[in-house]
C-alpha atoms as a PDB file:
ATOM      1  CA  MET A   1     118.957 -66.607 -59.939  1.00  0.00           C
ATOM      2  CA  ALA A   2     116.082 -67.558 -62.224  1.00  0.00           C
ATOM      3  CA  LEU A   3     118.235 -70.343 -63.656  1.00  0.00           C
ATOM      4  CA  LEU A   4     118.905 -71.758 -60.184  1.00  0.00           C
ATOM      5  CA  ASP A   5     115.223 -71.513 -59.305  1.00  0.00           C
ATOM      6  CA  VAL A   6     114.314 -73.600 -62.343  1.00  0.00           C
ATOM      7  CA  PHE A   7     117.013 -76.154 -61.538  1.00  0.00           C
ATOM      8  CA  PHE A   8     116.034 -76.548 -57.885  1.00  0.00           C
ATOM      9  CA  SER A   9     112.341 -76.772 -58.724  1.00  0.00           C
ATOM     10  CA  THR A  10     113.250 -79.517 -61.201  1.00  0.00           C
ATOM     11  CA  LEU A  11     115.128 -81.392 -58.468  1.00  0.00           C
ATOM     12  CA  GLU A  12     112.032 -81.183 -56.271  1.00  0.00           C
ATOM     13  CA  ILE A  13     110.196 -83.212 -58.924  1.00  0.00           C
ATOM     14  CA  THR A  14     112.824 -85.832 -59.765  1.00  0.00           C
ATOM     15  CA  LEU A  15     114.717 -86.293 -56.494  1.00  0.00           C
ATOM     16  CA  PRO A  16     111.809 -87.756 -54.460  1.00  0.00           C
ATOM     17  CA  VAL A  17     111.325 -90.482 -57.054  1.00  0.00           C
ATOM     18  CA  PHE A  18     114.978 -91.489 -57.260  1.00  0.00           C
ATOM     19  CA  ALA A  19     115.443 -91.066 -53.506  1.00  0.00           C
ATOM     20  CA  MET A  20     112.902 -93.864 -53.032  1.00  0.00           C
ATOM     21  CA  VAL A  21     114.845 -96.030 -55.491  1.00  0.00           C
ATOM     22  CA  PHE A  22     118.080 -95.577 -53.543  1.00  0.00           C
ATOM     23  CA  ILE A  23     116.248 -96.116 -50.251  1.00  0.00           C
ATOM     24  CA  GLY A  24     115.190 -99.490 -51.652  1.00  0.00           C
ATOM     25  CA  LEU A  25     118.815-100.246 -52.520  1.00  0.00           C
ATOM     26  CA  GLY A  26     119.882 -99.297 -48.979  1.00  0.00           C
ATOM     27  CA  LEU A  27     117.158-101.372 -47.325  1.00  0.00           C
ATOM     28  CA  LYS A  28     118.163-104.461 -49.315  1.00  0.00           C
ATOM     29  CA  ARG A  29     121.851-104.049 -48.508  1.00  0.00           C
ATOM     30  CA  ALA A  30     121.023-103.502 -44.817  1.00  0.00           C
ATOM     31  CA  GLY A  31     119.025-106.729 -44.787  1.00  0.00           C
ATOM     32  CA  TRP A  32     115.744-105.071 -43.838  1.00  0.00           C
ATOM     33  CA  ILE A  33     114.006-106.470 -46.913  1.00  0.00           C
ATOM     34  CA  ASP A  34     114.750-109.677 -48.791  1.00  0.00           C
ATOM     35  CA  GLN A  35     113.923-111.261 -52.138  1.00  0.00           C
ATOM     36  CA  GLY A  36     110.719-112.742 -50.758  1.00  0.00           C
ATOM     37  CA  PHE A  37     109.467-109.283 -49.812  1.00  0.00           C
ATOM     38  CA  ILE A  38     110.450-107.911 -53.224  1.00  0.00           C
ATOM     39  CA  ASN A  39     108.605-110.685 -55.068  1.00  0.00           C
ATOM     40  CA  THR A  40     105.463-110.328 -52.963  1.00  0.00           C
ATOM     41  CA  ALA A  41     105.448-106.520 -53.081  1.00  0.00           C
ATOM     42  CA  SER A  42     106.038-106.475 -56.839  1.00  0.00           C
ATOM     43  CA  LEU A  43     103.112-108.852 -57.367  1.00  0.00           C
ATOM     44  CA  LEU A  44     100.892-106.739 -55.104  1.00  0.00           C
ATOM     45  CA  VAL A  45     101.758-103.605 -57.062  1.00  0.00           C
ATOM     46  CA  PHE A  46     101.246-105.201 -60.470  1.00  0.00           C
ATOM     47  CA  LYS A  47      97.979-107.005 -59.722  1.00  0.00           C
ATOM     48  CA  GLY A  48      96.438-104.753 -57.093  1.00  0.00           C
ATOM     49  CA  THR A  49      97.626-101.311 -56.135  1.00  0.00           C
ATOM     50  CA  MET A  50      98.712-100.002 -59.551  1.00  0.00           C
ATOM     51  CA  PRO A  51      95.478-101.019 -61.334  1.00  0.00           C
ATOM     52  CA  MET A  52      93.607 -99.298 -58.513  1.00  0.00           C
ATOM     53  CA  LEU A  53      95.761 -96.167 -58.882  1.00  0.00           C
ATOM     54  CA  ILE A  54      95.155 -96.043 -62.638  1.00  0.00           C
ATOM     55  CA  PHE A  55      91.418 -96.695 -62.225  1.00  0.00           C
ATOM     56  CA  LEU A  56      90.960 -93.928 -59.659  1.00  0.00           C
ATOM     57  CA  SER A  57      93.103 -91.423 -61.542  1.00  0.00           C
ATOM     58  CA  ILE A  58      91.031 -91.908 -64.698  1.00  0.00           C
ATOM     59  CA  ILE A  59      87.565 -91.834 -63.102  1.00  0.00           C
ATOM     60  CA  LYS A  60      88.485 -88.648 -61.210  1.00  0.00           C
ATOM     61  CA  ALA A  61      89.892 -86.978 -64.321  1.00  0.00           C
ATOM     62  CA  ASP A  62      88.180 -84.724 -66.803  1.00  0.00           C
ATOM     63  CA  LEU A  63      88.292 -86.948 -69.881  1.00  0.00           C
ATOM     64  CA  ASP A  64      87.573 -83.987 -72.139  1.00  0.00           C
ATOM     65  CA  ALA A  65      90.927 -82.590 -71.030  1.00  0.00           C
ATOM     66  CA  THR A  66      92.797 -85.860 -70.548  1.00  0.00           C
ATOM     67  CA  LEU A  67      91.663 -88.251 -73.282  1.00  0.00           C
ATOM     68  CA  ASN A  68      93.692 -87.120 -76.273  1.00  0.00           C
ATOM     69  CA  PRO A  69      93.649 -89.588 -79.199  1.00  0.00           C
ATOM     70  CA  GLY A  70      96.397 -87.562 -80.903  1.00  0.00           C
ATOM     71  CA  LEU A  71      98.660 -87.982 -77.887  1.00  0.00           C
ATOM     72  CA  LEU A  72      98.009 -91.716 -77.693  1.00  0.00           C
ATOM     73  CA  GLY A  73      98.506 -92.134 -81.444  1.00  0.00           C
ATOM     74  CA  PHE A  74     101.735 -90.150 -81.440  1.00  0.00           C
ATOM     75  CA  PHE A  75     103.142 -92.189 -78.566  1.00  0.00           C
ATOM     76  CA  ALA A  76     102.349 -95.430 -80.423  1.00  0.00           C
ATOM     77  CA  LEU A  77     104.045 -94.137 -83.588  1.00  0.00           C
ATOM     78  CA  ALA A  78     107.038 -92.830 -81.617  1.00  0.00           C
ATOM     79  CA  THR A  79     107.380 -96.229 -79.916  1.00  0.00           C
ATOM     80  CA  LEU A  80     107.314 -97.942 -83.311  1.00  0.00           C
ATOM     81  CA  GLY A  81     109.901 -95.489 -84.630  1.00  0.00           C
ATOM     82  CA  SER A  82     112.132 -96.045 -81.583  1.00  0.00           C
ATOM     83  CA  PHE A  83     111.823 -99.803 -81.981  1.00  0.00           C
ATOM     84  CA  LEU A  84     112.788 -99.705 -85.670  1.00  0.00           C
ATOM     85  CA  PHE A  85     115.654 -97.266 -84.982  1.00  0.00           C
ATOM     86  CA  CYS A  86     117.073 -99.589 -82.291  1.00  0.00           C
ATOM     87  CA  TRP A  87     116.662-102.607 -84.554  1.00  0.00           C
ATOM     88  CA  GLY A  88     118.480-100.904 -87.418  1.00  0.00           C
ATOM     89  CA  TRP A  89     121.290 -99.855 -85.071  1.00  0.00           C
ATOM     90  CA  ALA A  90     121.536-103.376 -83.660  1.00  0.00           C
ATOM     91  CA  ILE A  91     121.896-104.866 -87.151  1.00  0.00           C
ATOM     92  CA  LEU A  92     124.916-102.614 -87.720  1.00  0.00           C
ATOM     93  CA  ARG A  93     126.611-102.862 -84.315  1.00  0.00           C
ATOM     94  CA  VAL A  94     125.450-105.905 -82.317  1.00  0.00           C
ATOM     95  CA  PRO A  95     126.278-109.641 -82.635  1.00  0.00           C
ATOM     96  CA  TYR A  96     123.392-111.601 -84.140  1.00  0.00           C
ATOM     97  CA  THR A  97     122.424-113.623 -81.037  1.00  0.00           C
ATOM     98  CA  ASP A  98     122.234-110.532 -78.783  1.00  0.00           C
ATOM     99  CA  ARG A  99     120.272-108.288 -81.133  1.00  0.00           C
ATOM    100  CA  GLY A 100     116.815-109.107 -79.759  1.00  0.00           C
ATOM    101  CA  VAL A 101     117.869-108.479 -76.159  1.00  0.00           C
ATOM    102  CA  TYR A 102     119.697-105.288 -77.169  1.00  0.00           C
ATOM    103  CA  VAL A 103     116.667-103.919 -79.029  1.00  0.00           C
ATOM    104  CA  GLN A 104     114.294-104.659 -76.155  1.00  0.00           C
ATOM    105  CA  GLY A 105     116.619-103.101 -73.584  1.00  0.00           C
ATOM    106  CA  ALA A 106     117.097 -99.993 -75.691  1.00  0.00           C
ATOM    107  CA  PHE A 107     113.453 -99.142 -76.411  1.00  0.00           C
ATOM    108  CA  ARG A 108     111.343-100.600 -73.573  1.00  0.00           C
ATOM    109  CA  GLY A 109     110.894 -98.066 -70.777  1.00  0.00           C
ATOM    110  CA  ASN A 110     109.625 -98.408 -67.222  1.00  0.00           C
ATOM    111  CA  CYS A 111     106.687 -96.071 -67.851  1.00  0.00           C
ATOM    112  CA  GLY A 112     104.327 -97.867 -65.484  1.00  0.00           C
ATOM    113  CA  ILE A 113     106.365 -96.988 -62.401  1.00  0.00           C
ATOM    114  CA  VAL A 114     109.082 -94.391 -63.009  1.00  0.00           C
ATOM    115  CA  GLY A 115     107.279 -92.542 -65.816  1.00  0.00           C
ATOM    116  CA  LEU A 116     103.979 -92.495 -63.946  1.00  0.00           C
ATOM    117  CA  ALA A 117     105.610 -91.422 -60.672  1.00  0.00           C
ATOM    118  CA  LEU A 118     107.392 -88.518 -62.357  1.00  0.00           C
ATOM    119  CA  ALA A 119     104.265 -87.489 -64.276  1.00  0.00           C
ATOM    120  CA  ALA A 120     102.315 -87.457 -61.005  1.00  0.00           C
ATOM    121  CA  GLY A 121     105.040 -85.434 -59.305  1.00  0.00           C
ATOM    122  CA  MET A 122     105.141 -82.870 -62.090  1.00  0.00           C
ATOM    123  CA  TYR A 123     101.472 -82.584 -63.076  1.00  0.00           C
ATOM    124  CA  GLY A 124      99.446 -84.104 -60.241  1.00  0.00           C
ATOM    125  CA  GLU A 125      96.071 -85.599 -61.192  1.00  0.00           C
ATOM    126  CA  TYR A 126      96.549 -84.733 -64.869  1.00  0.00           C
ATOM    127  CA  GLY A 127      99.860 -86.599 -64.904  1.00  0.00           C
ATOM    128  CA  LEU A 128      98.270 -89.658 -63.301  1.00  0.00           C
ATOM    129  CA  SER A 129      95.240 -89.769 -65.580  1.00  0.00           C
ATOM    130  CA  ALA A 130      97.102 -88.984 -68.818  1.00  0.00           C
ATOM    131  CA  GLY A 131      99.832 -91.431 -67.824  1.00  0.00           C
ATOM    132  CA  GLY A 132      97.247 -94.085 -66.991  1.00  0.00           C
ATOM    133  CA  LEU A 133      95.707 -93.803 -70.447  1.00  0.00           C
ATOM    134  CA  LEU A 134      99.147 -93.905 -72.072  1.00  0.00           C
ATOM    135  CA  LEU A 135      99.910 -97.114 -70.182  1.00  0.00           C
ATOM    136  CA  GLY A 136      97.325 -98.933 -72.278  1.00  0.00           C
ATOM    137  CA  VAL A 137      99.367 -98.073 -75.387  1.00  0.00           C
ATOM    138  CA  VAL A 138     102.626 -98.815 -73.548  1.00  0.00           C
ATOM    139  CA  ILE A 139     101.629-102.322 -72.515  1.00  0.00           C
ATOM    140  CA  LEU A 140     100.367-103.322 -75.944  1.00  0.00           C
ATOM    141  CA  THR A 141     103.233-101.896 -77.997  1.00  0.00           C
ATOM    142  CA  TYR A 142     106.095-102.787 -75.648  1.00  0.00           C
ATOM    143  CA  ASN A 143     105.024-106.403 -75.237  1.00  0.00           C
ATOM    144  CA  ALA A 144     104.274-106.946 -78.915  1.00  0.00           C
ATOM    145  CA  PHE A 145     107.505-105.360 -80.171  1.00  0.00           C
ATOM    146  CA  SER A 146     109.614-107.096 -77.537  1.00  0.00           C
ATOM    147  CA  VAL A 147     108.286-110.499 -78.526  1.00  0.00           C
ATOM    148  CA  ILE A 148     108.950-109.779 -82.209  1.00  0.00           C
ATOM    149  CA  ALA A 149     112.569-108.752 -81.535  1.00  0.00           C
ATOM    150  CA  LEU A 150     113.333-111.637 -79.166  1.00  0.00           C
ATOM    151  CA  ALA A 151     111.638-114.271 -81.318  1.00  0.00           C
ATOM    152  CA  THR A 152     113.436-113.099 -84.462  1.00  0.00           C
ATOM    153  CA  TYR A 153     116.880-113.702 -82.966  1.00  0.00           C
ATOM    154  CA  GLN A 154     116.054-116.844 -80.999  1.00  0.00           C
ATOM    155  CA  PRO A 155     115.324-119.323 -83.809  1.00  0.00           C
ATOM    156  CA  ASP A 156     115.638-122.379 -81.567  1.00  0.00           C
ATOM    157  CA  GLN A 157     112.916-121.172 -79.213  1.00  0.00           C
ATOM    158  CA  ASN A 158     109.212-121.878 -79.802  1.00  0.00           C
ATOM    159  CA  THR A 159     107.084-118.786 -79.290  1.00  0.00           C
ATOM    160  CA  ASP A 160     103.548-119.394 -78.011  1.00  0.00           C
ATOM    161  CA  TRP A 161     101.801-116.416 -79.600  1.00  0.00           C
ATOM    162  CA  ARG A 162      98.369-117.392 -78.253  1.00  0.00           C
ATOM    163  CA  SER A 163      99.708-117.414 -74.709  1.00  0.00           C
ATOM    164  CA  ILE A 164     101.398-114.048 -75.226  1.00  0.00           C
ATOM    165  CA  VAL A 165      98.223-112.439 -76.605  1.00  0.00           C
ATOM    166  CA  THR A 166      96.209-113.917 -73.732  1.00  0.00           C
ATOM    167  CA  HIS A 167      98.619-112.510 -71.152  1.00  0.00           C
ATOM    168  CA  ILE A 168      98.445-109.058 -72.750  1.00  0.00           C
ATOM    169  CA  ALA A 169      94.638-109.160 -72.867  1.00  0.00           C
ATOM    170  CA  HIS A 170      94.494-110.140 -69.191  1.00  0.00           C
ATOM    171  CA  ASN A 171      97.075-107.586 -68.066  1.00  0.00           C
ATOM    172  CA  PRO A 172      95.663-105.903 -64.916  1.00  0.00           C
ATOM    173  CA  LEU A 173      96.841-102.462 -66.036  1.00  0.00           C
ATOM    174  CA  ILE A 174      95.036-102.698 -69.366  1.00  0.00           C
ATOM    175  CA  LEU A 175      91.920-104.028 -67.637  1.00  0.00           C
ATOM    176  CA  ALA A 176      92.017-101.064 -65.243  1.00  0.00           C
ATOM    177  CA  VAL A 177      92.003 -98.628 -68.175  1.00  0.00           C
ATOM    178  CA  VAL A 178      89.250-100.567 -69.989  1.00  0.00           C
ATOM    179  CA  VAL A 179      87.012-100.533 -66.904  1.00  0.00           C
ATOM    180  CA  ALA A 180      87.781 -96.950 -65.867  1.00  0.00           C
ATOM    181  CA  VAL A 181      87.119 -95.166 -69.169  1.00  0.00           C
ATOM    182  CA  PRO A 182      83.382 -96.028 -69.409  1.00  0.00           C
ATOM    183  CA  VAL A 183      82.913 -95.327 -65.691  1.00  0.00           C
ATOM    184  CA  ALA A 184      84.462 -91.882 -66.194  1.00  0.00           C
ATOM    185  CA  ALA A 185      82.599 -91.257 -69.462  1.00  0.00           C
ATOM    186  CA  LEU A 186      79.237 -92.111 -67.864  1.00  0.00           C
ATOM    187  CA  GLU A 187      80.172 -90.029 -64.781  1.00  0.00           C
ATOM    188  CA  LEU A 188      79.186 -92.844 -62.449  1.00  0.00           C
ATOM    189  CA  ARG A 189      79.672 -91.976 -58.784  1.00  0.00           C
ATOM    190  CA  LEU A 190      81.134 -94.522 -56.403  1.00  0.00           C
ATOM    191  CA  PRO A 191      80.308 -94.432 -52.651  1.00  0.00           C
ATOM    192  CA  GLY A 192      82.570 -92.124 -50.671  1.00  0.00           C
ATOM    193  CA  TRP A 193      83.806 -94.871 -48.347  1.00  0.00           C
ATOM    194  CA  LEU A 194      84.754 -97.016 -51.369  1.00  0.00           C
ATOM    195  CA  MET A 195      86.692 -94.161 -52.979  1.00  0.00           C
ATOM    196  CA  THR A 196      88.548 -93.447 -49.736  1.00  0.00           C
ATOM    197  CA  SER A 197      89.437 -97.114 -49.232  1.00  0.00           C
ATOM    198  CA  GLY A 198      90.607 -97.322 -52.818  1.00  0.00           C
ATOM    199  CA  GLU A 199      92.783 -94.230 -52.381  1.00  0.00           C
ATOM    200  CA  TYR A 200      94.402 -95.746 -49.286  1.00  0.00           C
ATOM    201  CA  PHE A 201      95.183 -98.917 -51.237  1.00  0.00           C
ATOM    202  CA  ALA A 202      96.380 -97.055 -54.343  1.00  0.00           C
ATOM    203  CA  SER A 203      98.677 -94.818 -52.293  1.00  0.00           C
ATOM    204  CA  LEU A 204     100.915 -97.848 -51.683  1.00  0.00           C
ATOM    205  CA  THR A 205     101.791 -98.097 -55.355  1.00  0.00           C
ATOM    206  CA  LEU A 206     104.541 -95.616 -56.127  1.00  0.00           C
ATOM    207  CA  PRO A 207     106.642 -95.817 -52.937  1.00  0.00           C
ATOM    208  CA  LEU A 208     106.403 -99.618 -52.808  1.00  0.00           C
ATOM    209  CA  ALA A 209     107.212-100.042 -56.502  1.00  0.00           C
ATOM    210  CA  LEU A 210     110.154 -97.627 -56.381  1.00  0.00           C
ATOM    211  CA  ILE A 211     111.599 -99.355 -53.301  1.00  0.00           C
ATOM    212  CA  CYS A 212     111.379-102.692 -55.144  1.00  0.00           C
ATOM    213  CA  ILE A 213     113.207-101.241 -58.140  1.00  0.00           C
ATOM    214  CA  GLY A 214     116.001-100.031 -55.871  1.00  0.00           C
ATOM    215  CA  ALA A 215     116.165-103.340 -54.045  1.00  0.00           C
ATOM    216  CA  THR A 216     116.691-105.223 -57.301  1.00  0.00           C
ATOM    217  CA  LEU A 217     119.550-102.992 -58.460  1.00  0.00           C
ATOM    218  CA  SER A 218     122.891-104.756 -58.597  1.00  0.00           C
ATOM    219  CA  LEU A 219     125.948-102.542 -58.285  1.00  0.00           C
ATOM    220  CA  GLY A 220     128.018-105.512 -59.407  1.00  0.00           C
ATOM    221  CA  SER A 221     126.015-105.751 -62.628  1.00  0.00           C
ATOM    222  CA  ILE A 222     126.527-102.051 -63.245  1.00  0.00           C
ATOM    223  CA  MET A 223     130.295-102.417 -62.777  1.00  0.00           C
ATOM    224  CA  GLU A 224     130.328-105.383 -65.162  1.00  0.00           C
ATOM    225  CA  SER A 225     128.374-103.591 -67.895  1.00  0.00           C
ATOM    226  CA  GLY A 226     130.187-104.054 -71.156  1.00  0.00           C
ATOM    227  CA  ARG A 227     130.071-102.296 -74.494  1.00  0.00           C
ATOM    228  CA  LEU A 228     126.657-103.680 -75.445  1.00  0.00           C
ATOM    229  CA  ALA A 229     124.991-102.723 -72.151  1.00  0.00           C
ATOM    230  CA  THR A 230     126.550 -99.256 -72.227  1.00  0.00           C
ATOM    231  CA  GLY A 231     125.519 -98.711 -75.841  1.00  0.00           C
ATOM    232  CA  ALA A 232     121.921 -99.824 -75.279  1.00  0.00           C
ATOM    233  CA  SER A 233     121.690 -97.714 -72.108  1.00  0.00           C
ATOM    234  CA  THR A 234     122.968 -94.584 -73.859  1.00  0.00           C
ATOM    235  CA  LEU A 235     120.491 -95.181 -76.667  1.00  0.00           C
ATOM    236  CA  LYS A 236     117.641 -95.617 -74.168  1.00  0.00           C
ATOM    237  CA  MET A 237     118.442 -92.700 -71.871  1.00  0.00           C
ATOM    238  CA  VAL A 238     119.908 -90.070 -74.212  1.00  0.00           C
ATOM    239  CA  THR A 239     119.397 -90.647 -77.935  1.00  0.00           C
ATOM    240  CA  LEU A 240     115.787 -91.864 -78.077  1.00  0.00           C
ATOM    241  CA  PRO A 241     114.328 -89.364 -75.554  1.00  0.00           C
ATOM    242  CA  ALA A 242     116.003 -86.490 -77.431  1.00  0.00           C
ATOM    243  CA  LEU A 243     114.764 -87.649 -80.847  1.00  0.00           C
ATOM    244  CA  ALA A 244     111.244 -88.573 -79.703  1.00  0.00           C
ATOM    245  CA  THR A 245     110.746 -85.388 -77.682  1.00  0.00           C
ATOM    246  CA  ALA A 246     111.983 -83.252 -80.581  1.00  0.00           C
ATOM    247  CA  ALA A 247     109.544 -85.067 -82.884  1.00  0.00           C
ATOM    248  CA  ALA A 248     106.710 -84.464 -80.394  1.00  0.00           C
ATOM    249  CA  TRP A 249     107.522 -80.748 -80.274  1.00  0.00           C
ATOM    250  CA  LEU A 250     107.630 -80.553 -84.069  1.00  0.00           C
ATOM    251  CA  ALA A 251     104.263 -82.339 -84.131  1.00  0.00           C
ATOM    252  CA  GLY A 252     102.796 -79.510 -82.057  1.00  0.00           C
ATOM    253  CA  PHE A 253     102.817 -80.917 -78.521  1.00  0.00           C
ATOM    254  CA  GLU A 254     103.810 -78.531 -75.754  1.00  0.00           C
ATOM    255  CA  GLY A 255     103.277 -77.829 -72.071  1.00  0.00           C
ATOM    256  CA  ARG A 256     102.132 -80.687 -69.896  1.00  0.00           C
ATOM    257  CA  GLU A 257     101.473 -82.997 -72.870  1.00  0.00           C
ATOM    258  CA  LEU A 258     105.079 -82.643 -74.035  1.00  0.00           C
ATOM    259  CA  GLY A 259     106.246 -83.057 -70.434  1.00  0.00           C
ATOM    260  CA  VAL A 260     104.396 -86.351 -69.932  1.00  0.00           C
ATOM    261  CA  LEU A 261     105.654 -87.638 -73.290  1.00  0.00           C
ATOM    262  CA  PHE A 262     109.248 -86.800 -72.377  1.00  0.00           C
ATOM    263  CA  LEU A 263     108.982 -88.527 -68.995  1.00  0.00           C
ATOM    264  CA  PHE A 264     107.638 -91.680 -70.639  1.00  0.00           C
ATOM    265  CA  PHE A 265     110.254 -91.592 -73.407  1.00  0.00           C
ATOM    266  CA  ALA A 266     113.056 -91.030 -70.867  1.00  0.00           C
ATOM    267  CA  SER A 267     112.091 -93.770 -68.399  1.00  0.00           C
ATOM    268  CA  PRO A 268     114.793 -96.399 -67.745  1.00  0.00           C
ATOM    269  CA  THR A 269     114.480 -99.928 -69.091  1.00  0.00           C
ATOM    270  CA  ALA A 270     111.599-101.855 -67.541  1.00  0.00           C
ATOM    271  CA  ALA A 271     112.291-104.762 -65.206  1.00  0.00           C
ATOM    272  CA  ALA A 272     109.770-106.779 -67.230  1.00  0.00           C
ATOM    273  CA  ALA A 273     112.379-106.891 -69.997  1.00  0.00           C
ATOM    274  CA  PHE A 274     114.451-109.301 -67.865  1.00  0.00           C
ATOM    275  CA  VAL A 275     111.506-111.637 -67.328  1.00  0.00           C
ATOM    276  CA  MET A 276     110.688-111.756 -71.044  1.00  0.00           C
ATOM    277  CA  ALA A 277     114.307-112.182 -72.142  1.00  0.00           C
ATOM    278  CA  LYS A 278     114.806-115.054 -69.709  1.00  0.00           C
ATOM    279  CA  ALA A 279     111.541-116.734 -70.692  1.00  0.00           C
ATOM    280  CA  MET A 280     112.455-116.623 -74.383  1.00  0.00           C
ATOM    281  CA  GLY A 281     116.014-117.841 -73.968  1.00  0.00           C
ATOM    282  CA  GLY A 282     117.741-114.495 -74.475  1.00  0.00           C
ATOM    283  CA  ASN A 283     120.824-113.089 -72.781  1.00  0.00           C
ATOM    284  CA  ALA A 284     119.295-112.384 -69.365  1.00  0.00           C
ATOM    285  CA  MET A 285     122.568-111.051 -67.898  1.00  0.00           C
ATOM    286  CA  LEU A 286     122.852-108.417 -70.634  1.00  0.00           C
ATOM    287  CA  THR A 287     119.265-107.382 -69.936  1.00  0.00           C
ATOM    288  CA  ALA A 288     119.945-107.126 -66.188  1.00  0.00           C
ATOM    289  CA  ASN A 289     122.975-104.937 -66.856  1.00  0.00           C
ATOM    290  CA  ILE A 290     120.958-102.626 -69.104  1.00  0.00           C
ATOM    291  CA  ILE A 291     118.190-102.319 -66.494  1.00  0.00           C
ATOM    292  CA  ALA A 292     120.662-101.500 -63.724  1.00  0.00           C
ATOM    293  CA  LEU A 293     122.657 -99.013 -65.780  1.00  0.00           C
ATOM    294  CA  THR A 294     119.652 -97.144 -67.192  1.00  0.00           C
ATOM    295  CA  THR A 295     118.077 -96.887 -63.733  1.00  0.00           C
ATOM    296  CA  LEU A 296     121.276 -95.345 -62.386  1.00  0.00           C
ATOM    297  CA  MET A 297     121.573 -92.988 -65.368  1.00  0.00           C
ATOM    298  CA  ALA A 298     117.931 -91.892 -65.111  1.00  0.00           C
ATOM    299  CA  SER A 299     118.463 -89.761 -62.014  1.00  0.00           C
ATOM    300  CA  VAL A 300     120.827 -87.574 -64.053  1.00  0.00           C
ATOM    301  CA  THR A 301     119.415 -87.726 -67.583  1.00  0.00           C
ATOM    302  CA  ILE A 302     115.776 -87.145 -66.624  1.00  0.00           C
ATOM    303  CA  THR A 303     116.664 -84.301 -64.262  1.00  0.00           C
ATOM    304  CA  LEU A 304     118.759 -82.585 -66.935  1.00  0.00           C
ATOM    305  CA  GLY A 305     116.091 -83.211 -69.570  1.00  0.00           C
ATOM    306  CA  VAL A 306     113.296 -81.698 -67.495  1.00  0.00           C
ATOM    307  CA  PHE A 307     115.558 -78.786 -66.557  1.00  0.00           C
ATOM    308  CA  GLY A 308     116.399 -78.084 -70.201  1.00  0.00           C
ATOM    309  CA  LEU A 309     112.777 -78.286 -71.367  1.00  0.00           C
ATOM    310  CA  ARG A 310     111.594 -76.002 -68.551  1.00  0.00           C
ATOM    311  CA  LEU A 311     114.405 -73.563 -69.187  1.00  0.00           C
ATOM    312  CA  ALA A 312     113.370 -73.426 -72.855  1.00  0.00           C
ATOM    313  CA  GLY A 313     109.766 -72.804 -71.834  1.00  0.00           C
ATOM    314  CA  LEU A 314     108.515 -75.935 -73.605  1.00  0.00           C
ATOM    315  CA  ILE A 315     106.973 -77.649 -70.567  1.00  0.00           C
END
């Protein structure tokens, strides 16, 4: 009975997130939302509601308990290790021209939406604030490593490094973290009406973002996924989360810290990977297939991962 209790309590954390994804898929297929809505809503989330969510979660958090340089440093090192592991694997198993796209699809997770939503569902305010701080590392490392991989295997494409660095520096999610940390550290108090208005606005983030993810899923792309897409997806959703989480446990992380790390490691491939691959002349169809397949796999792999870690008493 205890085993079933753990399993059902795990489903209560993961199912609401993935239910919203499949609701988005259903709404798109029913014609209730279209591509115009998806584009507008995605932009609203990225530039408005998610930065507000991250800002509020950090300023309301206890930084003494949440700001953990060791956690941030480990995540950066684990991301680098995952990136190099995927690159080494791609050299052995993937055709030259598709290696950059394969590497990006295999290591770049959707931490900003799926990871953050699951962390919030599992750990509440701590999950939001710790996840918000981790997103600063996520955005820097994921964008930098993705550009390196894609540029290396696209020799005919000119890479504008200054433009890339500028876009990273002006990323709304990074700016939200940069602004929120000193506000929280100085314990500045914002007017009650402003906090309430901000919370209303921020509350749009997770359901709207998850619906957009579902609406962009293509069942046809999933059915067409070939060997490369399947291999990258298995690497992203099974191999890397297992290795990175085991390394985190060996490094001494446990409880909610280990839980947040696992959820970020186990997030499906980010939709931003498609935009970057297309912009740099990579195989955009392969990227789309990886995104679709990992998103579908996530509902199973993340649920089983959380269940196993909770059963073992590690989170």
